[in-house]
PDB file of N, CA and C in Angstrom:
ATOM      1  N   MET A   1      14.281 -22.391 -33.544  1.00  0.00           N
ATOM      2  CA  MET A   1      14.543 -21.602 -32.530  1.00  0.00           C
ATOM      3  C   MET A   1      13.425 -21.195 -31.751  1.00  0.00           C
ATOM      4  N   ALA A   2      12.115 -20.984 -32.367  1.00  0.00           N
ATOM      5  CA  ALA A   2      10.991 -20.642 -31.524  1.00  0.00           C
ATOM      6  C   ALA A   2      10.675 -21.629 -30.766  1.00  0.00           C
ATOM      7  N   ARG A   3      11.171 -22.815 -31.060  1.00  0.00           N
ATOM      8  CA  ARG A   3      10.440 -23.778 -30.082  1.00  0.00           C
ATOM      9  C   ARG A   3      11.182 -24.070 -28.917  1.00  0.00           C
ATOM     10  N   THR A   4      12.451 -23.639 -28.913  1.00  0.00           N
ATOM     11  CA  THR A   4      13.311 -23.686 -27.690  1.00  0.00           C
ATOM     12  C   THR A   4      12.965 -22.478 -26.801  1.00  0.00           C
ATOM     13  N   MET A   5      12.430 -21.475 -27.301  1.00  0.00           N
ATOM     14  CA  MET A   5      12.338 -20.250 -26.271  1.00  0.00           C
ATOM     15  C   MET A   5      10.726 -20.416 -25.666  1.00  0.00           C
ATOM     16  N   GLU A   6       9.972 -21.528 -26.099  1.00  0.00           N
ATOM     17  CA  GLU A   6       8.812 -21.282 -25.380  1.00  0.00           C
ATOM     18  C   GLU A   6       8.680 -21.762 -24.206  1.00  0.00           C
ATOM     19  N   PRO A   7       9.287 -22.706 -23.486  1.00  0.00           N
ATOM     20  CA  PRO A   7       9.604 -23.021 -22.364  1.00  0.00           C
ATOM     21  C   PRO A   7      10.069 -21.753 -21.630  1.00  0.00           C
ATOM     22  N   LEU A   8      10.998 -21.102 -21.835  1.00  0.00           N
ATOM     23  CA  LEU A   8      11.624 -20.014 -21.156  1.00  0.00           C
ATOM     24  C   LEU A   8      10.548 -18.645 -21.281  1.00  0.00           C
ATOM     25  N   ALA A   9       9.882 -18.684 -22.255  1.00  0.00           N
ATOM     26  CA  ALA A   9       8.685 -17.615 -22.281  1.00  0.00           C
ATOM     27  C   ALA A   9       7.445 -17.837 -21.160  1.00  0.00           C
ATOM     28  N   LYS A  10       7.306 -19.257 -21.230  1.00  0.00           N
ATOM     29  CA  LYS A  10       6.597 -19.680 -20.207  1.00  0.00           C
ATOM     30  C   LYS A  10       6.975 -19.458 -18.774  1.00  0.00           C
ATOM     31  N   LYS A  11       8.090 -19.717 -18.247  1.00  0.00           N
ATOM     32  CA  LYS A  11       8.683 -19.499 -17.250  1.00  0.00           C
ATOM     33  C   LYS A  11       8.959 -18.056 -16.723  1.00  0.00           C
ATOM     34  N   ILE A  12       9.012 -17.294 -17.839  1.00  0.00           N
ATOM     35  CA  ILE A  12       9.147 -15.896 -17.346  1.00  0.00           C
ATOM     36  C   ILE A  12       7.675 -15.376 -17.261  1.00  0.00           C
ATOM     37  N   PHE A  13       6.680 -15.723 -18.155  1.00  0.00           N
ATOM     38  CA  PHE A  13       5.363 -15.262 -17.972  1.00  0.00           C
ATOM     39  C   PHE A  13       4.937 -15.656 -16.305  1.00  0.00           C
ATOM     40  N   LYS A  14       5.009 -16.878 -15.884  1.00  0.00           N
ATOM     41  CA  LYS A  14       4.665 -17.397 -14.774  1.00  0.00           C
ATOM     42  C   LYS A  14       5.321 -16.653 -13.592  1.00  0.00           C
ATOM     43  N   GLY A  15       6.724 -16.139 -13.853  1.00  0.00           N
ATOM     44  CA  GLY A  15       7.147 -15.399 -12.821  1.00  0.00           C
ATOM     45  C   GLY A  15       6.753 -14.007 -12.935  1.00  0.00           C
ATOM     46  N   VAL A  16       6.447 -13.491 -13.768  1.00  0.00           N
ATOM     47  CA  VAL A  16       5.802 -11.962 -13.859  1.00  0.00           C
ATOM     48  C   VAL A  16       4.415 -12.195 -13.142  1.00  0.00           C
ATOM     49  N   LEU A  17       3.721 -13.006 -13.464  1.00  0.00           N
ATOM     50  CA  LEU A  17       2.384 -13.185 -12.902  1.00  0.00           C
ATOM     51  C   LEU A  17       2.270 -13.473 -11.390  1.00  0.00           C
ATOM     52  N   VAL A  18       3.300 -14.153 -10.877  1.00  0.00           N
ATOM     53  CA  VAL A  18       3.581 -14.425  -9.513  1.00  0.00           C
ATOM     54  C   VAL A  18       4.043 -13.075  -8.790  1.00  0.00           C
ATOM     55  N   VAL A  19       4.769 -12.304  -9.532  1.00  0.00           N
ATOM     56  CA  VAL A  19       5.289 -10.986  -8.913  1.00  0.00           C
ATOM     57  C   VAL A  19       4.215 -10.023  -8.799  1.00  0.00           C
ATOM     58  N   GLU A  20       3.274 -10.102 -10.069  1.00  0.00           N
ATOM     59  CA  GLU A  20       2.231  -9.200  -9.823  1.00  0.00           C
ATOM     60  C   GLU A  20       1.178  -9.533  -8.897  1.00  0.00           C
ATOM     61  N   LEU A  21       0.928 -10.853  -8.545  1.00  0.00           N
ATOM     62  CA  LEU A  21      -0.120 -11.185  -7.660  1.00  0.00           C
ATOM     63  C   LEU A  21       0.618 -10.945  -6.248  1.00  0.00           C
ATOM     64  N   VAL A  22       1.691 -11.196  -6.041  1.00  0.00           N
ATOM     65  CA  VAL A  22       2.262 -10.726  -4.618  1.00  0.00           C
ATOM     66  C   VAL A  22       2.068  -9.164  -4.373  1.00  0.00           C
ATOM     67  N   GLY A  23       2.445  -8.453  -5.633  1.00  0.00           N
ATOM     68  CA  GLY A  23       2.239  -6.930  -5.315  1.00  0.00           C
ATOM     69  C   GLY A  23       0.993  -6.767  -5.095  1.00  0.00           C
ATOM     70  N   VAL A  24       0.081  -7.081  -5.622  1.00  0.00           N
ATOM     71  CA  VAL A  24      -1.574  -6.749  -5.532  1.00  0.00           C
ATOM     72  C   VAL A  24      -1.698  -7.131  -4.081  1.00  0.00           C
ATOM     73  N   PHE A  25      -1.375  -8.399  -3.599  1.00  0.00           N
ATOM     74  CA  PHE A  25      -1.828  -8.892  -2.265  1.00  0.00           C
ATOM     75  C   PHE A  25      -1.016  -8.063  -1.172  1.00  0.00           C
ATOM     76  N   GLY A  26      -0.039  -7.707  -1.655  1.00  0.00           N
ATOM     77  CA  GLY A  26       0.781  -7.086  -0.571  1.00  0.00           C
ATOM     78  C   GLY A  26       0.351  -5.581  -0.232  1.00  0.00           C
ATOM     79  N   ALA A  27       0.047  -4.885  -1.568  1.00  0.00           N
ATOM     80  CA  ALA A  27      -0.869  -3.600  -1.449  1.00  0.00           C
ATOM     81  C   ALA A  27      -2.165  -3.377  -0.755  1.00  0.00           C
ATOM     82  N   TYR A  28      -2.897  -4.727  -0.838  1.00  0.00           N
ATOM     83  CA  TYR A  28      -4.203  -4.577  -0.131  1.00  0.00           C
ATOM     84  C   TYR A  28      -4.137  -4.964   1.473  1.00  0.00           C
ATOM     85  N   PHE A  29      -2.933  -5.957   1.673  1.00  0.00           N
ATOM     86  CA  PHE A  29      -2.708  -5.891   2.937  1.00  0.00           C
ATOM     87  C   PHE A  29      -2.229  -4.609   3.609  1.00  0.00           C
ATOM     88  N   LEU A  30      -1.472  -3.959   2.902  1.00  0.00           N
ATOM     89  CA  LEU A  30      -0.844  -2.272   3.509  1.00  0.00           C
ATOM     90  C   LEU A  30      -1.906  -1.613   3.492  1.00  0.00           C
ATOM     91  N   PHE A  31      -2.978  -1.572   2.639  1.00  0.00           N
ATOM     92  CA  PHE A  31      -4.056  -0.697   2.779  1.00  0.00           C
ATOM     93  C   PHE A  31      -4.998  -1.086   3.864  1.00  0.00           C
ATOM     94  N   ASN A  32      -5.112  -2.320   3.872  1.00  0.00           N
ATOM     95  CA  ASN A  32      -6.074  -2.603   5.076  1.00  0.00           C
ATOM     96  C   ASN A  32      -5.524  -2.383   6.289  1.00  0.00           C
ATOM     97  N   LYS A  33      -4.307  -2.747   6.563  1.00  0.00           N
ATOM     98  CA  LYS A  33      -3.542  -2.423   7.841  1.00  0.00           C
ATOM     99  C   LYS A  33      -3.726  -1.048   8.198  1.00  0.00           C
ATOM    100  N   MET A  34      -3.537  -0.010   7.170  1.00  0.00           N
ATOM    101  CA  MET A  34      -3.473   1.662   7.343  1.00  0.00           C
ATOM    102  C   MET A  34      -4.982   1.866   7.706  1.00  0.00           C
ATOM    103  N   ASN A  35      -5.898   1.098   6.929  1.00  0.00           N
ATOM    104  CA  ASN A  35      -7.346   1.607   6.988  1.00  0.00           C
ATOM    105  C   ASN A  35      -7.795   1.388   8.367  1.00  0.00           C
ATOM    106  N   THR A  36      -7.228   0.374   9.271  1.00  0.00           N
ATOM    107  CA  THR A  36      -7.794  -0.156  10.421  1.00  0.00           C
ATOM    108  C   THR A  36      -7.007   0.172  11.575  1.00  0.00           C
ATOM    109  N   SER A  37      -5.940   0.717  11.440  1.00  0.00           N
ATOM    110  CA  SER A  37      -5.055   1.142  12.667  1.00  0.00           C
ATOM    111  C   SER A  37      -4.448   2.488  12.582  1.00  0.00           C
ATOM    112  N   GLN A  38      -4.834   3.356  13.406  1.00  0.00           N
ATOM    113  CA  GLN A  38      -4.129   4.458  13.389  1.00  0.00           C
ATOM    114  C   GLN A  38      -2.884   4.586  13.947  1.00  0.00           C
ATOM    115  N   ASP A  39      -2.583   3.632  14.588  1.00  0.00           N
ATOM    116  CA  ASP A  39      -1.174   3.614  15.300  1.00  0.00           C
ATOM    117  C   ASP A  39      -0.159   3.187  14.064  1.00  0.00           C
ATOM    118  N   PHE A  40      -0.596   2.413  13.321  1.00  0.00           N
ATOM    119  CA  PHE A  40       0.194   1.887  12.197  1.00  0.00           C
ATOM    120  C   PHE A  40       0.230   3.124  11.138  1.00  0.00           C
ATOM    121  N   ARG A  41      -0.553   3.883  11.030  1.00  0.00           N
ATOM    122  CA  ARG A  41      -0.435   4.726  10.081  1.00  0.00           C
ATOM    123  C   ARG A  41       0.457   5.932  10.753  1.00  0.00           C
ATOM    124  N   GLN A  42       0.780   6.098  12.020  1.00  0.00           N
ATOM    125  CA  GLN A  42       1.698   6.897  12.700  1.00  0.00           C
ATOM    126  C   GLN A  42       3.004   6.299  12.336  1.00  0.00           C
ATOM    127  N   THR A  43       3.183   4.911  12.438  1.00  0.00           N
ATOM    128  CA  THR A  43       4.388   4.215  12.053  1.00  0.00           C
ATOM    129  C   THR A  43       4.931   4.526  10.757  1.00  0.00           C
ATOM    130  N   MET A  44       3.847   4.540   9.762  1.00  0.00           N
ATOM    131  CA  MET A  44       4.001   4.805   8.442  1.00  0.00           C
ATOM    132  C   MET A  44       4.547   6.307   8.114  1.00  0.00           C
ATOM    133  N   SER A  45       3.997   7.114   8.964  1.00  0.00           N
ATOM    134  CA  SER A  45       4.056   8.614   8.817  1.00  0.00           C
ATOM    135  C   SER A  45       5.694   8.846   9.249  1.00  0.00           C
ATOM    136  N   LYS A  46       6.074   8.009  10.126  1.00  0.00           N
ATOM    137  CA  LYS A  46       7.581   8.445  10.423  1.00  0.00           C
ATOM    138  C   LYS A  46       8.475   7.517   9.410  1.00  0.00           C
ATOM    139  N   LYS A  47       8.198   6.488   9.028  1.00  0.00           N
ATOM    140  CA  LYS A  47       9.132   5.866   8.190  1.00  0.00           C
ATOM    141  C   LYS A  47       8.801   6.014   6.746  1.00  0.00           C
ATOM    142  N   PHE A  48       7.696   5.975   6.062  1.00  0.00           N
ATOM    143  CA  PHE A  48       7.388   6.004   4.787  1.00  0.00           C
ATOM    144  C   PHE A  48       6.223   7.069   4.723  1.00  0.00           C
ATOM    145  N   PRO A  49       6.405   8.514   4.872  1.00  0.00           N
ATOM    146  CA  PRO A  49       5.428   9.441   4.591  1.00  0.00           C
ATOM    147  C   PRO A  49       4.737   9.408   3.378  1.00  0.00           C
ATOM    148  N   PHE A  50       5.436   9.197   2.182  1.00  0.00           N
ATOM    149  CA  PHE A  50       4.950   9.204   0.826  1.00  0.00           C
ATOM    150  C   PHE A  50       3.796   8.185   0.513  1.00  0.00           C
ATOM    151  N   ILE A  51       3.955   7.083   1.342  1.00  0.00           N
ATOM    152  CA  ILE A  51       3.144   5.855   1.212  1.00  0.00           C
ATOM    153  C   ILE A  51       1.991   6.551   1.905  1.00  0.00           C
ATOM    154  N   LEU A  52       1.902   6.817   3.200  1.00  0.00           N
ATOM    155  CA  LEU A  52       0.699   7.728   3.814  1.00  0.00           C
ATOM    156  C   LEU A  52       0.156   8.552   3.004  1.00  0.00           C
ATOM    157  N   GLU A  53       0.920   9.352   2.312  1.00  0.00           N
ATOM    158  CA  GLU A  53       0.174  10.329   1.699  1.00  0.00           C
ATOM    159  C   GLU A  53      -0.542   9.758   0.489  1.00  0.00           C
ATOM    160  N   VAL A  54      -0.120   8.841  -0.211  1.00  0.00           N
ATOM    161  CA  VAL A  54      -0.891   8.050  -1.136  1.00  0.00           C
ATOM    162  C   VAL A  54      -2.267   7.273  -0.801  1.00  0.00           C
ATOM    163  N   TYR A  55      -2.086   6.922   0.605  1.00  0.00           N
ATOM    164  CA  TYR A  55      -3.348   6.372   1.258  1.00  0.00           C
ATOM    165  C   TYR A  55      -4.387   7.491   1.473  1.00  0.00           C
ATOM    166  N   TYR A  56      -3.821   8.552   2.172  1.00  0.00           N
ATOM    167  CA  TYR A  56      -4.989   9.615   2.323  1.00  0.00           C
ATOM    168  C   TYR A  56      -5.535  10.369   1.098  1.00  0.00           C
ATOM    169  N   LYS A  57      -4.656  10.391  -0.032  1.00  0.00           N
ATOM    170  CA  LYS A  57      -5.221  10.815  -1.298  1.00  0.00           C
ATOM    171  C   LYS A  57      -6.307   9.703  -1.718  1.00  0.00           C
ATOM    172  N   SER A  58      -5.874   8.564  -1.725  1.00  0.00           N
ATOM    173  CA  SER A  58      -6.813   7.327  -2.160  1.00  0.00           C
ATOM    174  C   SER A  58      -8.270   7.568  -1.369  1.00  0.00           C
ATOM    175  N   ILE A  59      -8.165   7.800  -0.110  1.00  0.00           N
ATOM    176  CA  ILE A  59      -9.596   7.562   0.605  1.00  0.00           C
ATOM    177  C   ILE A  59     -10.214   9.041   0.597  1.00  0.00           C
ATOM    178  N   GLU A  60      -9.343  10.045   0.013  1.00  0.00           N
ATOM    179  CA  GLU A  60     -10.317  11.311  -0.031  1.00  0.00           C
ATOM    180  C   GLU A  60     -10.742  11.055  -1.518  1.00  0.00           C
ATOM    181  N   GLN A  61     -10.068  10.666  -2.422  1.00  0.00           N
ATOM    182  CA  GLN A  61     -10.678  10.302  -3.739  1.00  0.00           C
ATOM    183  C   GLN A  61     -11.982   9.541  -3.621  1.00  0.00           C
ATOM    184  N   SER A  62     -12.099   8.713  -2.869  1.00  0.00           N
ATOM    185  CA  SER A  62     -13.315   7.754  -2.544  1.00  0.00           C
ATOM    186  C   SER A  62     -14.375   8.510  -1.837  1.00  0.00           C
ATOM    187  N   GLY A  63     -14.182   9.792  -1.132  1.00  0.00           N
ATOM    188  CA  GLY A  63     -15.110  10.539  -0.418  1.00  0.00           C
ATOM    189  C   GLY A  63     -15.025  10.405   0.780  1.00  0.00           C
ATOM    190  N   MET A  64     -14.117   9.870   1.503  1.00  0.00           N
ATOM    191  CA  MET A  64     -13.872   9.845   3.122  1.00  0.00           C
ATOM    192  C   MET A  64     -12.759  10.863   3.400  1.00  0.00           C
ATOM    193  N   TYR A  65     -13.525  11.773   3.902  1.00  0.00           N
ATOM    194  CA  TYR A  65     -12.632  12.983   4.348  1.00  0.00           C
ATOM    195  C   TYR A  65     -12.535  13.159   5.928  1.00  0.00           C
ATOM    196  N   GLY A  66     -11.548  13.735   6.419  1.00  0.00           N
ATOM    197  CA  GLY A  66     -11.085  13.857   7.862  1.00  0.00           C
ATOM    198  C   GLY A  66     -10.230  12.977   8.546  1.00  0.00           C
ATOM    199  N   VAL A  67      -9.811  11.997   7.821  1.00  0.00           N
ATOM    200  CA  VAL A  67      -9.161  10.972   8.602  1.00  0.00           C
ATOM    201  C   VAL A  67      -7.703  11.486   8.766  1.00  0.00           C
ATOM    202  N   ARG A  68      -6.992  12.182   7.828  1.00  0.00           N
ATOM    203  CA  ARG A  68      -5.821  12.881   7.914  1.00  0.00           C
ATOM    204  C   ARG A  68      -5.906  13.979   9.237  1.00  0.00           C
ATOM    205  N   GLU A  69      -6.856  14.755   9.130  1.00  0.00           N
ATOM    206  CA  GLU A  69      -7.244  15.597  10.168  1.00  0.00           C
ATOM    207  C   GLU A  69      -7.251  15.112  11.707  1.00  0.00           C
ATOM    208  N   GLN A  70      -7.890  13.739  11.705  1.00  0.00           N
ATOM    209  CA  GLN A  70      -8.102  13.013  13.149  1.00  0.00           C
ATOM    210  C   GLN A  70      -6.710  12.359  13.544  1.00  0.00           C
ATOM    211  N   ASP A  71      -6.223  12.074  12.444  1.00  0.00           N
ATOM    212  CA  ASP A  71      -4.460  11.343  12.720  1.00  0.00           C
ATOM    213  C   ASP A  71      -3.816  12.612  13.359  1.00  0.00           C
ATOM    214  N   GLN A  72      -3.732  13.755  12.712  1.00  0.00           N
ATOM    215  CA  GLN A  72      -2.793  14.754  13.010  1.00  0.00           C
ATOM    216  C   GLN A  72      -3.238  15.323  14.505  1.00  0.00           C
ATOM    217  N   GLU A  73      -4.568  15.266  14.728  1.00  0.00           N
ATOM    218  CA  GLU A  73      -4.997  15.965  16.032  1.00  0.00           C
ATOM    219  C   GLU A  73      -4.644  15.052  16.993  1.00  0.00           C
ATOM    220  N   LYS A  74      -4.829  13.665  16.852  1.00  0.00           N
ATOM    221  CA  LYS A  74      -4.369  12.568  17.827  1.00  0.00           C
ATOM    222  C   LYS A  74      -2.910  12.726  18.146  1.00  0.00           C
ATOM    223  N   TRP A  75      -2.317  12.640  16.917  1.00  0.00           N
ATOM    224  CA  TRP A  75      -0.541  12.904  17.057  1.00  0.00           C
ATOM    225  C   TRP A  75      -0.146  13.958  17.793  1.00  0.00           C
ATOM    226  N   LEU A  76      -0.871  15.030  17.732  1.00  0.00           N
ATOM    227  CA  LEU A  76      -0.487  16.301  18.276  1.00  0.00           C
ATOM    228  C   LEU A  76      -0.620  16.130  19.831  1.00  0.00           C
ATOM    229  N   ASN A  77      -2.003  15.708  20.178  1.00  0.00           N
ATOM    230  CA  ASN A  77      -2.482  15.539  21.511  1.00  0.00           C
ATOM    231  C   ASN A  77      -1.524  14.571  22.302  1.00  0.00           C
ATOM    232  N   SER A  78      -1.139  13.401  21.562  1.00  0.00           N
ATOM    233  CA  SER A  78      -0.411  12.416  22.638  1.00  0.00           C
ATOM    234  C   SER A  78       1.375  13.079  22.559  1.00  0.00           C
ATOM    235  N   LYS A  79       1.576  13.981  21.924  1.00  0.00           N
ATOM    236  CA  LYS A  79       2.910  14.519  22.115  1.00  0.00           C
ATOM    237  C   LYS A  79       2.910  15.344  23.398  1.00  0.00           C
ATOM    238  N   ASN A  80       1.885  15.946  23.634  1.00  0.00           N
ATOM    239  CA  ASN A  80       1.695  16.962  24.903  1.00  0.00           C
ATOM    240  C   ASN A  80       1.527  16.262  26.025  1.00  0.00           C
TER     241      ASN A  80
END
């Protein structure tokens, strides 16, 4: 019985590995896009504010402060 499970276990392992790699690269792409584009951050604030909050927390954790304030200031000025 254990012999017949090995190919299935390998397929499952490969599938999990692929899903994890796609997740890591997707998270990197999303972070990089938010880090380089204030307009994209504005879009994220409208559609997915919780993801933008994670972005702000992570960059504040790394010692970069003021990005949130700059974004809010620009967005308020663009409304007026």
